[in-house]
Amino acid sequence: MGLFDRFKNQQKGQEFYCIVGLGNPGKQYEETKHNIGFHVIDLLAEKYHIDVTKFKNRALIGDGTINGRRVLLVKPQTFMNLSGESVREIVNFYKIPQERFVVIFDDTSLPCGTVRIREKGSHGGHNGIRNIIDRMGTDVFYRVKVGIGEKPNGWDLADYVLAKFSPEDLPLMEQGKEKAVMGVELMLSHGIADAMNRVNQKPKTMKKQKAEEEAKNQNEAVE
């Protein structure tokens, strides 16, 4: 029996949505690709004035309200590969139901800045998600995946995800993080289906954006 199964018929704590962003603690990891989940939590915390500094259940947490929903923002401090250790404690303590549990994390199978929302799925080689699945006993939980780009040939995966973004990728990643925030907001206010319909679209590439801007400028010049 998975951990969530124990809460199906319980009412305690069901007011909470638990929004977990994955990453590694420590200044040396702050700007790395693997910490996108932390970044999105930070953006949500700033936008909705939620203080995510309380240390509990081996995580930094903060509770507040987003779009009329009470949320618990979580940044596990157990390091990525043991994310499930902290997450299990939090879900168990707050009695979080399965349909109100969301995990935000980086994905190397998606281009930089692309965001995909999923209801369930395998770990896809992501060790943080792998550990959460192992500890929770299920792979059925909501995910917000933020693309960080495919690992280049010759790179070790660990070296790639623990590297910083190139200057060229930063604008796309900023867009991706903002889109992930929007995805969480939509999930809370309109549900998972609407969030997937509105968020799961490919972002425009910088090249395409530039071409559209040039075309617009030319049209304005003609007018």
N, C-alpha and C. Protein backbone atom coordinates (compact mmCIF):
# COMPACT_ATOMS: atom_id res chain seq x y z
N MET A 1 0.85 -1.20 0.00
CA MET A 1 0.00 0.00 0.00
C MET A 1 0.88 1.25 0.00
N GLY A 2 0.59 2.17 -0.94
CA GLY A 2 1.34 3.41 -0.99
C GLY A 2 0.92 4.37 0.11
N LEU A 3 1.75 5.34 0.39
CA LEU A 3 1.47 6.27 1.47
C LEU A 3 0.16 7.01 1.24
N PHE A 4 -0.13 7.41 0.00
CA PHE A 4 -1.35 8.16 -0.29
C PHE A 4 -2.61 7.34 0.01
N ASP A 5 -2.51 6.02 -0.19
CA ASP A 5 -3.68 5.18 0.02
C ASP A 5 -4.22 5.28 1.44
N ARG A 6 -3.34 5.57 2.38
CA ARG A 6 -3.75 5.67 3.78
C ARG A 6 -4.62 6.90 4.03
N PHE A 7 -4.60 7.87 3.12
CA PHE A 7 -5.29 9.14 3.35
C PHE A 7 -6.58 9.28 2.54
N LYS A 8 -6.92 8.28 1.75
CA LYS A 8 -8.04 8.44 0.82
C LYS A 8 -9.35 8.79 1.53
N ASN A 9 -9.57 8.21 2.68
CA ASN A 9 -10.83 8.44 3.39
C ASN A 9 -10.68 9.37 4.58
N GLN A 10 -9.55 10.08 4.63
CA GLN A 10 -9.33 11.00 5.73
C GLN A 10 -9.62 12.43 5.31
N GLN A 11 -10.10 13.22 6.23
CA GLN A 11 -10.40 14.62 5.95
C GLN A 11 -9.34 15.55 6.49
N LYS A 12 -8.63 15.15 7.51
CA LYS A 12 -7.65 16.02 8.16
C LYS A 12 -6.59 16.48 7.16
N GLY A 13 -6.39 17.79 7.10
CA GLY A 13 -5.31 18.34 6.29
C GLY A 13 -5.64 18.50 4.82
N GLN A 14 -6.87 18.19 4.38
CA GLN A 14 -7.16 18.21 2.96
C GLN A 14 -7.27 19.62 2.38
N GLU A 15 -7.22 20.60 3.24
CA GLU A 15 -7.25 21.97 2.73
C GLU A 15 -5.93 22.34 2.07
N PHE A 16 -4.86 21.66 2.41
CA PHE A 16 -3.55 21.99 1.89
C PHE A 16 -3.29 21.43 0.51
N TYR A 17 -2.69 22.26 -0.35
CA TYR A 17 -2.01 21.78 -1.55
C TYR A 17 -0.53 21.81 -1.21
N CYS A 18 0.16 20.73 -1.46
CA CYS A 18 1.60 20.67 -1.19
C CYS A 18 2.35 20.84 -2.50
N ILE A 19 3.09 21.95 -2.63
CA ILE A 19 3.84 22.25 -3.85
C ILE A 19 5.33 22.10 -3.53
N VAL A 20 5.94 21.08 -4.09
CA VAL A 20 7.34 20.75 -3.79
C VAL A 20 8.22 21.10 -4.98
N GLY A 21 9.28 21.85 -4.74
CA GLY A 21 10.28 22.13 -5.77
C GLY A 21 11.55 21.40 -5.42
N LEU A 22 12.13 20.67 -6.38
CA LEU A 22 13.32 19.87 -6.10
C LEU A 22 14.61 20.64 -6.40
N GLY A 23 15.64 20.33 -5.64
CA GLY A 23 16.94 20.96 -5.82
C GLY A 23 17.91 20.45 -4.78
N ASN A 24 19.09 21.04 -4.77
CA ASN A 24 20.12 20.72 -3.78
C ASN A 24 20.37 21.93 -2.89
N PRO A 25 20.49 21.73 -1.59
CA PRO A 25 20.78 22.85 -0.69
C PRO A 25 22.24 23.28 -0.81
N GLY A 26 22.53 24.53 -0.45
CA GLY A 26 23.90 25.02 -0.47
C GLY A 26 24.13 26.03 -1.58
N LYS A 27 24.93 27.05 -1.28
CA LYS A 27 25.18 28.13 -2.24
C LYS A 27 25.83 27.64 -3.52
N GLN A 28 26.65 26.58 -3.42
CA GLN A 28 27.34 26.10 -4.62
C GLN A 28 26.40 25.52 -5.66
N TYR A 29 25.17 25.21 -5.25
CA TYR A 29 24.20 24.63 -6.18
C TYR A 29 23.10 25.61 -6.61
N GLU A 30 23.09 26.80 -6.05
CA GLU A 30 21.97 27.72 -6.24
C GLU A 30 21.60 27.97 -7.69
N GLU A 31 22.59 28.20 -8.55
CA GLU A 31 22.31 28.58 -9.93
C GLU A 31 22.46 27.42 -10.91
N THR A 32 22.50 26.21 -10.42
CA THR A 32 22.68 25.06 -11.31
C THR A 32 21.35 24.63 -11.92
N LYS A 33 21.45 23.87 -13.01
CA LYS A 33 20.26 23.41 -13.73
C LYS A 33 19.36 22.56 -12.84
N HIS A 34 19.97 21.79 -11.96
CA HIS A 34 19.21 20.86 -11.12
C HIS A 34 18.34 21.57 -10.08
N ASN A 35 18.51 22.88 -9.92
CA ASN A 35 17.79 23.60 -8.88
C ASN A 35 16.60 24.41 -9.39
N ILE A 36 16.15 24.10 -10.59
CA ILE A 36 15.02 24.83 -11.16
C ILE A 36 13.79 24.72 -10.27
N GLY A 37 13.59 23.57 -9.67
CA GLY A 37 12.44 23.41 -8.78
C GLY A 37 12.46 24.40 -7.63
N PHE A 38 13.64 24.60 -7.04
CA PHE A 38 13.80 25.60 -5.98
C PHE A 38 13.47 26.99 -6.50
N HIS A 39 13.95 27.29 -7.72
CA HIS A 39 13.74 28.62 -8.29
C HIS A 39 12.26 28.94 -8.46
N VAL A 40 11.49 27.96 -8.92
CA VAL A 40 10.06 28.18 -9.13
C VAL A 40 9.36 28.39 -7.78
N ILE A 41 9.75 27.63 -6.78
CA ILE A 41 9.19 27.83 -5.44
C ILE A 41 9.50 29.25 -4.95
N ASP A 42 10.73 29.70 -5.19
CA ASP A 42 11.12 31.05 -4.77
C ASP A 42 10.26 32.11 -5.47
N LEU A 43 9.97 31.91 -6.76
CA LEU A 43 9.14 32.86 -7.49
C LEU A 43 7.72 32.89 -6.93
N LEU A 44 7.18 31.72 -6.63
CA LEU A 44 5.85 31.65 -6.04
C LEU A 44 5.83 32.32 -4.68
N ALA A 45 6.87 32.06 -3.89
CA ALA A 45 6.96 32.64 -2.55
C ALA A 45 7.02 34.16 -2.61
N GLU A 46 7.79 34.68 -3.56
CA GLU A 46 7.91 36.14 -3.70
C GLU A 46 6.61 36.76 -4.17
N LYS A 47 5.98 36.12 -5.15
CA LYS A 47 4.76 36.68 -5.74
C LYS A 47 3.62 36.71 -4.74
N TYR A 48 3.54 35.69 -3.89
CA TYR A 48 2.40 35.58 -2.97
C TYR A 48 2.79 35.83 -1.51
N HIS A 49 3.97 36.38 -1.33
CA HIS A 49 4.42 36.80 0.00
C HIS A 49 4.37 35.66 1.02
N ILE A 50 4.95 34.54 0.62
CA ILE A 50 5.01 33.37 1.49
C ILE A 50 6.45 33.18 1.96
N ASP A 51 6.64 33.12 3.24
CA ASP A 51 7.97 32.98 3.83
C ASP A 51 8.35 31.50 3.89
N VAL A 52 9.28 31.09 3.03
CA VAL A 52 9.69 29.68 2.97
C VAL A 52 11.04 29.53 3.68
N THR A 53 11.05 29.76 4.98
CA THR A 53 12.30 29.68 5.74
C THR A 53 12.20 28.77 6.97
N LYS A 54 10.99 28.27 7.25
CA LYS A 54 10.83 27.40 8.41
C LYS A 54 11.40 26.02 8.09
N PHE A 55 12.26 25.51 8.96
CA PHE A 55 12.86 24.19 8.73
C PHE A 55 12.06 23.13 9.49
N LYS A 56 11.46 22.23 8.74
CA LYS A 56 10.65 21.18 9.35
C LYS A 56 10.63 19.96 8.43
N ASN A 57 10.69 18.77 9.01
CA ASN A 57 10.68 17.54 8.22
C ASN A 57 11.79 17.53 7.17
N ARG A 58 12.93 18.05 7.57
CA ARG A 58 14.12 18.08 6.69
C ARG A 58 13.86 18.86 5.39
N ALA A 59 13.11 19.95 5.53
CA ALA A 59 12.82 20.80 4.37
C ALA A 59 12.59 22.23 4.84
N LEU A 60 12.77 23.17 3.91
CA LEU A 60 12.35 24.55 4.14
C LEU A 60 10.91 24.64 3.65
N ILE A 61 10.02 25.12 4.50
CA ILE A 61 8.61 25.16 4.15
C ILE A 61 8.00 26.52 4.48
N GLY A 62 6.88 26.80 3.87
CA GLY A 62 6.13 28.02 4.16
C GLY A 62 4.70 27.82 3.71
N ASP A 63 3.75 28.28 4.50
CA ASP A 63 2.35 28.14 4.09
C ASP A 63 1.73 29.50 3.84
N GLY A 64 0.82 29.52 2.88
CA GLY A 64 0.16 30.76 2.50
C GLY A 64 -1.01 30.46 1.59
N THR A 65 -1.39 31.45 0.79
CA THR A 65 -2.55 31.29 -0.08
C THR A 65 -2.21 31.70 -1.51
N ILE A 66 -2.60 30.87 -2.46
CA ILE A 66 -2.44 31.17 -3.88
C ILE A 66 -3.78 30.96 -4.56
N ASN A 67 -4.30 31.99 -5.18
CA ASN A 67 -5.59 31.92 -5.88
C ASN A 67 -6.69 31.32 -5.00
N GLY A 68 -6.70 31.73 -3.75
CA GLY A 68 -7.73 31.28 -2.84
C GLY A 68 -7.53 29.89 -2.26
N ARG A 69 -6.43 29.24 -2.61
CA ARG A 69 -6.13 27.91 -2.10
C ARG A 69 -4.99 27.97 -1.09
N ARG A 70 -5.14 27.27 0.00
CA ARG A 70 -4.07 27.23 1.00
C ARG A 70 -2.99 26.27 0.51
N VAL A 71 -1.76 26.73 0.52
CA VAL A 71 -0.66 25.93 -0.02
C VAL A 71 0.47 25.81 0.99
N LEU A 72 1.21 24.74 0.84
CA LEU A 72 2.44 24.53 1.58
C LEU A 72 3.55 24.44 0.54
N LEU A 73 4.44 25.45 0.52
CA LEU A 73 5.57 25.45 -0.41
C LEU A 73 6.73 24.74 0.27
N VAL A 74 7.38 23.84 -0.48
CA VAL A 74 8.39 22.96 0.13
C VAL A 74 9.66 22.90 -0.72
N LYS A 75 10.81 23.04 -0.05
CA LYS A 75 12.12 22.85 -0.68
C LYS A 75 12.89 21.82 0.15
N PRO A 76 12.85 20.54 -0.24
CA PRO A 76 13.55 19.51 0.53
C PRO A 76 15.04 19.82 0.67
N GLN A 77 15.60 19.56 1.84
CA GLN A 77 17.00 19.84 2.10
C GLN A 77 17.83 18.56 2.26
N THR A 78 17.32 17.47 1.75
CA THR A 78 17.98 16.16 1.89
C THR A 78 18.91 15.85 0.72
N PHE A 79 19.09 16.81 -0.18
CA PHE A 79 19.79 16.63 -1.45
C PHE A 79 18.91 15.84 -2.41
N MET A 80 19.13 16.09 -3.69
CA MET A 80 18.23 15.62 -4.73
C MET A 80 17.93 14.12 -4.66
N ASN A 81 18.98 13.31 -4.54
CA ASN A 81 18.78 11.87 -4.62
C ASN A 81 17.98 11.29 -3.47
N LEU A 82 17.79 12.06 -2.40
CA LEU A 82 17.01 11.60 -1.25
C LEU A 82 15.78 12.49 -1.03
N SER A 83 15.30 13.12 -2.08
CA SER A 83 14.15 14.02 -1.96
C SER A 83 12.95 13.34 -1.33
N GLY A 84 12.75 12.07 -1.64
CA GLY A 84 11.61 11.35 -1.12
C GLY A 84 11.61 11.18 0.39
N GLU A 85 12.78 11.23 0.99
CA GLU A 85 12.86 11.08 2.45
C GLU A 85 12.12 12.22 3.13
N SER A 86 12.41 13.43 2.70
CA SER A 86 11.75 14.61 3.27
C SER A 86 10.29 14.69 2.85
N VAL A 87 10.03 14.44 1.58
CA VAL A 87 8.67 14.55 1.06
C VAL A 87 7.73 13.59 1.76
N ARG A 88 8.17 12.37 2.00
CA ARG A 88 7.32 11.40 2.69
C ARG A 88 6.94 11.90 4.09
N GLU A 89 7.91 12.46 4.80
CA GLU A 89 7.63 12.97 6.15
C GLU A 89 6.57 14.08 6.11
N ILE A 90 6.69 14.97 5.13
CA ILE A 90 5.76 16.11 5.02
C ILE A 90 4.36 15.64 4.66
N VAL A 91 4.25 14.78 3.65
CA VAL A 91 2.95 14.26 3.24
C VAL A 91 2.30 13.49 4.39
N ASN A 92 3.11 12.74 5.13
CA ASN A 92 2.60 11.96 6.25
C ASN A 92 2.13 12.88 7.39
N PHE A 93 2.91 13.91 7.67
CA PHE A 93 2.59 14.81 8.78
C PHE A 93 1.34 15.64 8.50
N TYR A 94 1.24 16.18 7.28
CA TYR A 94 0.12 17.06 6.94
C TYR A 94 -1.06 16.32 6.32
N LYS A 95 -0.91 15.01 6.14
CA LYS A 95 -1.98 14.19 5.55
C LYS A 95 -2.41 14.74 4.20
N ILE A 96 -1.43 14.95 3.33
CA ILE A 96 -1.70 15.52 2.00
C ILE A 96 -2.34 14.47 1.10
N PRO A 97 -3.51 14.73 0.54
CA PRO A 97 -4.11 13.77 -0.39
C PRO A 97 -3.40 13.80 -1.74
N GLN A 98 -3.50 12.72 -2.44
CA GLN A 98 -2.77 12.53 -3.70
C GLN A 98 -3.07 13.62 -4.72
N GLU A 99 -4.34 14.03 -4.78
CA GLU A 99 -4.75 14.99 -5.81
C GLU A 99 -4.34 16.42 -5.47
N ARG A 100 -3.66 16.62 -4.33
CA ARG A 100 -3.19 17.96 -3.97
C ARG A 100 -1.69 17.98 -3.73
N PHE A 101 -1.01 17.09 -4.40
CA PHE A 101 0.44 16.98 -4.26
C PHE A 101 1.10 17.23 -5.61
N VAL A 102 1.97 18.23 -5.69
CA VAL A 102 2.60 18.65 -6.94
C VAL A 102 4.12 18.73 -6.76
N VAL A 103 4.86 18.22 -7.73
CA VAL A 103 6.33 18.28 -7.68
C VAL A 103 6.84 19.03 -8.92
N ILE A 104 7.72 19.98 -8.70
CA ILE A 104 8.32 20.78 -9.77
C ILE A 104 9.79 20.39 -9.88
N PHE A 105 10.26 20.08 -11.10
CA PHE A 105 11.64 19.63 -11.24
C PHE A 105 12.15 19.85 -12.66
N ASP A 106 13.46 19.69 -12.82
CA ASP A 106 14.14 19.88 -14.11
C ASP A 106 14.00 18.63 -14.97
N ASP A 107 14.06 18.80 -16.29
CA ASP A 107 13.93 17.67 -17.21
C ASP A 107 14.86 17.85 -18.39
N THR A 108 15.77 16.90 -18.58
CA THR A 108 16.74 17.00 -19.67
C THR A 108 16.16 16.54 -21.01
N SER A 109 14.96 15.96 -21.01
CA SER A 109 14.36 15.52 -22.27
C SER A 109 13.60 16.64 -22.96
N LEU A 110 13.48 17.79 -22.29
CA LEU A 110 12.76 18.93 -22.86
C LEU A 110 13.72 20.07 -23.17
N PRO A 111 13.47 20.81 -24.25
CA PRO A 111 14.30 21.97 -24.57
C PRO A 111 14.23 23.02 -23.46
N CYS A 112 15.25 23.84 -23.38
CA CYS A 112 15.29 24.89 -22.35
C CYS A 112 14.04 25.76 -22.41
N GLY A 113 13.41 25.93 -21.27
CA GLY A 113 12.25 26.80 -21.19
C GLY A 113 10.92 26.14 -21.46
N THR A 114 10.94 24.90 -21.96
CA THR A 114 9.69 24.18 -22.21
C THR A 114 9.14 23.67 -20.88
N VAL A 115 7.83 23.77 -20.71
CA VAL A 115 7.18 23.28 -19.49
C VAL A 115 6.12 22.25 -19.86
N ARG A 116 6.12 21.14 -19.13
CA ARG A 116 5.12 20.10 -19.32
C ARG A 116 4.50 19.75 -17.97
N ILE A 117 3.19 19.70 -17.93
CA ILE A 117 2.48 19.28 -16.73
C ILE A 117 1.95 17.87 -16.97
N ARG A 118 2.17 16.99 -16.01
CA ARG A 118 1.73 15.60 -16.13
C ARG A 118 1.01 15.17 -14.86
N GLU A 119 0.08 14.21 -15.02
CA GLU A 119 -0.66 13.69 -13.87
C GLU A 119 0.08 12.54 -13.20
N LYS A 120 0.93 11.85 -13.96
CA LYS A 120 1.64 10.69 -13.44
C LYS A 120 2.74 10.33 -14.42
N GLY A 121 3.51 9.27 -14.11
CA GLY A 121 4.54 8.82 -15.03
C GLY A 121 5.72 8.22 -14.31
N SER A 122 6.66 7.71 -15.08
CA SER A 122 7.87 7.12 -14.52
C SER A 122 8.82 8.23 -14.08
N HIS A 123 9.94 7.85 -13.49
CA HIS A 123 10.93 8.85 -13.05
C HIS A 123 11.74 9.40 -14.21
N GLY A 124 11.76 8.71 -15.35
CA GLY A 124 12.46 9.21 -16.52
C GLY A 124 13.94 9.44 -16.31
N GLY A 125 14.54 8.72 -15.36
CA GLY A 125 15.97 8.88 -15.09
C GLY A 125 16.30 9.97 -14.10
N HIS A 126 15.28 10.67 -13.60
CA HIS A 126 15.51 11.74 -12.62
C HIS A 126 15.56 11.13 -11.23
N ASN A 127 16.70 11.25 -10.58
CA ASN A 127 16.90 10.56 -9.30
C ASN A 127 16.02 11.11 -8.17
N GLY A 128 15.71 12.39 -8.22
CA GLY A 128 14.82 12.95 -7.21
C GLY A 128 13.43 12.36 -7.31
N ILE A 129 12.90 12.28 -8.53
CA ILE A 129 11.59 11.69 -8.75
C ILE A 129 11.62 10.19 -8.46
N ARG A 130 12.71 9.54 -8.83
CA ARG A 130 12.85 8.12 -8.53
C ARG A 130 12.71 7.85 -7.03
N ASN A 131 13.37 8.68 -6.22
CA ASN A 131 13.33 8.49 -4.78
C ASN A 131 11.95 8.79 -4.21
N ILE A 132 11.28 9.80 -4.76
CA ILE A 132 9.93 10.12 -4.31
C ILE A 132 8.99 8.95 -4.61
N ILE A 133 9.08 8.40 -5.82
CA ILE A 133 8.25 7.25 -6.18
C ILE A 133 8.52 6.07 -5.25
N ASP A 134 9.79 5.82 -4.98
CA ASP A 134 10.16 4.71 -4.10
C ASP A 134 9.60 4.90 -2.70
N ARG A 135 9.71 6.12 -2.17
CA ARG A 135 9.29 6.38 -0.80
C ARG A 135 7.77 6.51 -0.65
N MET A 136 7.10 7.01 -1.70
CA MET A 136 5.67 7.20 -1.64
C MET A 136 4.91 5.94 -2.04
N GLY A 137 5.57 5.05 -2.77
CA GLY A 137 4.92 3.82 -3.19
C GLY A 137 3.99 3.99 -4.37
N THR A 138 4.13 5.07 -5.12
CA THR A 138 3.29 5.30 -6.29
C THR A 138 3.97 6.30 -7.23
N ASP A 139 3.64 6.19 -8.53
CA ASP A 139 4.12 7.19 -9.49
C ASP A 139 2.98 8.08 -9.96
N VAL A 140 1.85 8.02 -9.25
CA VAL A 140 0.69 8.83 -9.60
C VAL A 140 0.65 10.07 -8.70
N PHE A 141 1.25 11.13 -9.21
CA PHE A 141 1.18 12.45 -8.57
C PHE A 141 1.49 13.49 -9.62
N TYR A 142 1.01 14.71 -9.40
CA TYR A 142 1.15 15.77 -10.40
C TYR A 142 2.59 16.25 -10.49
N ARG A 143 3.02 16.54 -11.71
CA ARG A 143 4.38 17.03 -11.94
C ARG A 143 4.36 18.27 -12.83
N VAL A 144 5.26 19.19 -12.55
CA VAL A 144 5.52 20.32 -13.43
C VAL A 144 6.99 20.18 -13.83
N LYS A 145 7.20 19.81 -15.08
CA LYS A 145 8.56 19.56 -15.57
C LYS A 145 9.06 20.78 -16.34
N VAL A 146 10.23 21.25 -15.99
CA VAL A 146 10.82 22.42 -16.64
C VAL A 146 12.06 21.97 -17.42
N GLY A 147 12.01 22.15 -18.72
CA GLY A 147 13.10 21.69 -19.57
C GLY A 147 14.39 22.47 -19.36
N ILE A 148 15.50 21.74 -19.26
CA ILE A 148 16.81 22.37 -19.13
C ILE A 148 17.72 22.04 -20.31
N GLY A 149 17.17 21.35 -21.31
CA GLY A 149 17.96 21.02 -22.49
C GLY A 149 18.64 19.67 -22.37
N GLU A 150 18.86 19.07 -23.51
CA GLU A 150 19.48 17.74 -23.55
C GLU A 150 20.97 17.80 -23.23
N LYS A 151 21.44 16.79 -22.56
CA LYS A 151 22.87 16.69 -22.23
C LYS A 151 23.68 16.58 -23.52
N PRO A 152 24.69 17.42 -23.71
CA PRO A 152 25.53 17.33 -24.91
C PRO A 152 26.32 16.03 -24.94
N ASN A 153 26.67 15.59 -26.13
CA ASN A 153 27.48 14.38 -26.27
C ASN A 153 28.81 14.56 -25.56
N GLY A 154 29.22 13.53 -24.85
CA GLY A 154 30.49 13.57 -24.15
C GLY A 154 30.40 14.07 -22.72
N TRP A 155 29.23 14.60 -22.36
CA TRP A 155 29.05 15.09 -20.99
C TRP A 155 28.53 13.98 -20.10
N ASP A 156 29.00 13.95 -18.86
CA ASP A 156 28.40 13.11 -17.85
C ASP A 156 27.12 13.79 -17.37
N LEU A 157 26.05 13.02 -17.16
CA LEU A 157 24.77 13.61 -16.79
C LEU A 157 24.86 14.41 -15.49
N ALA A 158 25.56 13.86 -14.50
CA ALA A 158 25.69 14.56 -13.21
C ALA A 158 26.39 15.90 -13.40
N ASP A 159 27.43 15.92 -14.23
CA ASP A 159 28.15 17.17 -14.48
C ASP A 159 27.25 18.19 -15.18
N TYR A 160 26.41 17.69 -16.08
CA TYR A 160 25.53 18.60 -16.84
C TYR A 160 24.49 19.25 -15.95
N VAL A 161 23.78 18.46 -15.14
CA VAL A 161 22.70 19.03 -14.32
C VAL A 161 23.25 19.88 -13.19
N LEU A 162 24.51 19.69 -12.83
CA LEU A 162 25.10 20.49 -11.76
C LEU A 162 25.90 21.68 -12.30
N ALA A 163 25.78 21.90 -13.62
CA ALA A 163 26.43 23.06 -14.24
C ALA A 163 25.45 24.23 -14.30
N LYS A 164 25.97 25.43 -14.49
CA LYS A 164 25.12 26.61 -14.62
C LYS A 164 24.65 26.75 -16.07
N PHE A 165 23.62 27.53 -16.28
CA PHE A 165 23.11 27.76 -17.62
C PHE A 165 24.04 28.70 -18.38
N SER A 166 24.09 28.51 -19.69
CA SER A 166 24.85 29.42 -20.53
C SER A 166 24.09 30.73 -20.65
N PRO A 167 24.77 31.83 -20.95
CA PRO A 167 24.07 33.12 -21.13
C PRO A 167 22.97 33.06 -22.17
N GLU A 168 23.18 32.22 -23.21
CA GLU A 168 22.18 32.11 -24.27
C GLU A 168 20.89 31.45 -23.79
N ASP A 169 21.02 30.55 -22.82
CA ASP A 169 19.85 29.81 -22.33
C ASP A 169 19.07 30.56 -21.25
N LEU A 170 19.68 31.52 -20.61
CA LEU A 170 19.05 32.19 -19.48
C LEU A 170 17.70 32.84 -19.81
N PRO A 171 17.56 33.56 -20.95
CA PRO A 171 16.24 34.15 -21.25
C PRO A 171 15.14 33.10 -21.38
N LEU A 172 15.46 31.98 -22.03
CA LEU A 172 14.47 30.91 -22.17
C LEU A 172 14.12 30.31 -20.82
N MET A 173 15.11 30.17 -19.95
CA MET A 173 14.85 29.59 -18.63
C MET A 173 14.00 30.52 -17.78
N GLU A 174 14.20 31.82 -17.91
CA GLU A 174 13.36 32.76 -17.17
C GLU A 174 11.90 32.63 -17.62
N GLN A 175 11.71 32.49 -18.94
CA GLN A 175 10.36 32.29 -19.46
C GLN A 175 9.78 30.98 -18.93
N GLY A 176 10.62 29.94 -18.90
CA GLY A 176 10.17 28.64 -18.43
C GLY A 176 9.74 28.67 -16.97
N LYS A 177 10.50 29.36 -16.15
CA LYS A 177 10.15 29.45 -14.72
C LYS A 177 8.84 30.21 -14.52
N GLU A 178 8.66 31.28 -15.28
CA GLU A 178 7.42 32.03 -15.19
C GLU A 178 6.23 31.18 -15.66
N LYS A 179 6.47 30.38 -16.69
CA LYS A 179 5.40 29.51 -17.19
C LYS A 179 5.07 28.42 -16.17
N ALA A 180 6.09 27.94 -15.46
CA ALA A 180 5.85 26.94 -14.41
C ALA A 180 5.01 27.54 -13.29
N VAL A 181 5.30 28.80 -12.94
CA VAL A 181 4.49 29.50 -11.93
C VAL A 181 3.04 29.58 -12.41
N MET A 182 2.85 29.96 -13.67
CA MET A 182 1.51 30.03 -14.23
C MET A 182 0.83 28.67 -14.18
N GLY A 183 1.60 27.60 -14.46
CA GLY A 183 1.05 26.26 -14.42
C GLY A 183 0.52 25.89 -13.04
N VAL A 184 1.28 26.22 -12.01
CA VAL A 184 0.84 25.96 -10.64
C VAL A 184 -0.43 26.75 -10.34
N GLU A 185 -0.45 28.01 -10.74
CA GLU A 185 -1.63 28.86 -10.50
C GLU A 185 -2.87 28.27 -11.17
N LEU A 186 -2.71 27.80 -12.40
CA LEU A 186 -3.83 27.22 -13.13
C LEU A 186 -4.30 25.92 -12.49
N MET A 187 -3.36 25.11 -12.03
CA MET A 187 -3.74 23.87 -11.37
C MET A 187 -4.59 24.15 -10.13
N LEU A 188 -4.24 25.19 -9.40
CA LEU A 188 -4.95 25.52 -8.18
C LEU A 188 -6.33 26.13 -8.45
N SER A 189 -6.41 26.94 -9.50
CA SER A 189 -7.66 27.67 -9.75
C SER A 189 -8.59 26.98 -10.74
N HIS A 190 -8.03 26.22 -11.71
CA HIS A 190 -8.85 25.63 -12.75
C HIS A 190 -8.74 24.11 -12.88
N GLY A 191 -7.77 23.52 -12.18
CA GLY A 191 -7.61 22.07 -12.25
C GLY A 191 -6.52 21.63 -13.20
N ILE A 192 -6.16 20.36 -13.08
CA ILE A 192 -5.02 19.81 -13.83
C ILE A 192 -5.27 19.80 -15.34
N ALA A 193 -6.48 19.47 -15.77
CA ALA A 193 -6.76 19.37 -17.20
C ALA A 193 -6.58 20.71 -17.90
N ASP A 194 -7.12 21.77 -17.33
CA ASP A 194 -6.99 23.09 -17.93
C ASP A 194 -5.53 23.55 -17.91
N ALA A 195 -4.83 23.24 -16.83
CA ALA A 195 -3.42 23.61 -16.74
C ALA A 195 -2.61 22.94 -17.84
N MET A 196 -2.86 21.66 -18.07
CA MET A 196 -2.13 20.94 -19.13
C MET A 196 -2.46 21.52 -20.50
N ASN A 197 -3.72 21.81 -20.74
CA ASN A 197 -4.13 22.34 -22.05
C ASN A 197 -3.47 23.68 -22.35
N ARG A 198 -3.30 24.50 -21.33
CA ARG A 198 -2.80 25.86 -21.55
C ARG A 198 -1.27 25.96 -21.45
N VAL A 199 -0.65 25.02 -20.75
CA VAL A 199 0.80 25.12 -20.52
C VAL A 199 1.61 24.20 -21.42
N ASN A 200 1.07 23.04 -21.76
CA ASN A 200 1.84 22.05 -22.51
C ASN A 200 1.97 22.39 -23.99
N GLN A 201 2.54 23.54 -24.27
CA GLN A 201 2.78 23.99 -25.63
C GLN A 201 4.25 24.38 -25.76
N LYS A 202 4.79 24.15 -26.91
CA LYS A 202 6.20 24.47 -27.13
C LYS A 202 6.40 25.98 -27.13
N PRO A 203 7.44 26.46 -26.40
CA PRO A 203 7.71 27.90 -26.43
C PRO A 203 8.38 28.30 -27.73
N LYS A 204 8.23 29.53 -28.10
CA LYS A 204 8.91 30.02 -29.29
C LYS A 204 10.41 30.06 -29.05
N THR A 205 11.17 29.68 -30.07
CA THR A 205 12.61 29.77 -29.94
C THR A 205 13.03 31.23 -30.05
N MET A 206 14.22 31.53 -29.57
CA MET A 206 14.72 32.90 -29.66
C MET A 206 14.83 33.33 -31.13
N LYS A 207 15.19 32.37 -31.99
CA LYS A 207 15.33 32.68 -33.41
C LYS A 207 13.98 33.06 -34.00
N LYS A 208 12.94 32.31 -33.63
CA LYS A 208 11.60 32.59 -34.15
C LYS A 208 11.08 33.91 -33.60
N GLN A 209 11.34 34.16 -32.33
CA GLN A 209 10.92 35.42 -31.73
C GLN A 209 11.57 36.60 -32.44
N LYS A 210 12.86 36.46 -32.74
CA LYS A 210 13.59 37.54 -33.41
C LYS A 210 13.02 37.78 -34.81
N ALA A 211 12.70 36.67 -35.52
CA ALA A 211 12.16 36.79 -36.87
C ALA A 211 10.80 37.49 -36.84
N GLU A 212 9.97 37.15 -35.84
CA GLU A 212 8.66 37.79 -35.73
C GLU A 212 8.79 39.27 -35.40
N GLU A 213 9.75 39.60 -34.54
CA GLU A 213 9.97 41.01 -34.20
C GLU A 213 10.44 41.80 -35.42
N GLU A 214 11.34 41.21 -36.21
CA GLU A 214 11.84 41.88 -37.41
C GLU A 214 10.71 42.10 -38.42
N ALA A 215 9.86 41.07 -38.57
CA ALA A 215 8.73 41.19 -39.50
C ALA A 215 7.77 42.28 -39.04
N LYS A 216 7.54 42.34 -37.75
CA LYS A 216 6.64 43.36 -37.20
C LYS A 216 7.22 44.75 -37.43
N ASN A 217 8.52 44.91 -37.21
CA ASN A 217 9.17 46.20 -37.42
C ASN A 217 9.11 46.63 -38.88
N GLN A 218 9.28 45.67 -39.79
CA GLN A 218 9.20 45.98 -41.23
C GLN A 218 7.81 46.44 -41.62
N ASN A 219 6.80 45.76 -41.05
CA ASN A 219 5.41 46.13 -41.36
C ASN A 219 5.10 47.53 -40.84
N GLU A 220 5.61 47.83 -39.66
CA GLU A 220 5.38 49.15 -39.09
C GLU A 220 6.08 50.24 -39.90
N ALA A 221 7.26 49.88 -40.45
CA ALA A 221 8.00 50.84 -41.26
C ALA A 221 7.27 51.15 -42.57
N VAL A 222 6.65 50.10 -43.13
CA VAL A 222 5.90 50.26 -44.38
C VAL A 222 4.68 51.13 -44.16
N GLU A 223 4.00 50.90 -43.02
CA GLU A 223 2.81 51.68 -42.70
C GLU A 223 3.16 53.13 -42.46
